[in-house]
Amino acid sequence: MDWHEFIPIPPIDSAQSYVVFQPHSDDAVWFAGGLLLKLARAGKQITLVTMTDGCLGTTDPSMRPEQLVALRRDEDQEAGEALGITKHLYLSFHDGQLPHCGETTQAMVRIIRQERPDAILAPDPWLPYEAHQDHLNCGWSAAESMIYCSLPLYLPESPPHDVSFIAFYLTSRPNQFVDITAENEARLAALRLFKSQFTPETLEMATYYVNLKASELGEAHGMRLAEAFKVLTPRHLHTSVDSESL
């Protein structure tokens, strides 16, 4: 049985509108920046949602949390705009304390019903050895929201909305690959805008890593540089034993 034919998975660029959930302000640029720039250049509608305030994201002991929150938001705005994203939403969860589902899923469903996207993006919560709970809980809640956003009795104060698919970035089990050769320099320039997040040394390492990974993925799939995603529909996210291998 060809399960790809039984429940088809849409191409990642087939939607017209997207909501992108990121646990921290640099995550979407770092792991999906090429795709987002490509979508923006194609005239797609993109809403970027930063789930936490970023109050822990520094190694500078002299930094005050409230100062860092303001810096990270400014950097997020600037980097998003560099990728062609003009709509940003910010939730008030504290860095390192994003809840597992529950309150987080409710917040995501409200945004999905407000923005009414065709597709959403989030980090893959099934990434082996991922230790940051904000990443895991952002991904789990995004996956759960794919089920609940269409149910009229879940948060009945807002009308339900169907989402066609979710694309997980930062995944170890990708099923779609996006050529980002033309977007690579711009995504790296956007990543460099997060000055509060990186030291010169860690920025050099981050740049080297994303280039190396993009080259590795591209070479394996007939491209020079690529980003990888796991794309699934709502039907793949409940009682499907084949979703891992798709």
Foldseek 3Di string as FASTA:
>chain_A
DPVCVVPPFDDPLPWQEEEEEEQFLQVCLLWPLLVLLVSLVVVGHYEYEHEAQCQPQAPDPVDHSVNRSVLRVVLSCVLCVLSNHHHYHYHYHHQLGDDQADVLLVVVLVVCLVVQTQEYEAAALPAPPDDRVSRNRRNNSVLVNQVVQQDCVRPVVTHGHHHFKYKHTPHPQFDDKDASVVPLVSSLVSSVSSVRNDDPVVNVVSNVVQQVVQCVVCVVPVHRGIHTIQMDGNVLSPPHPCSSVD
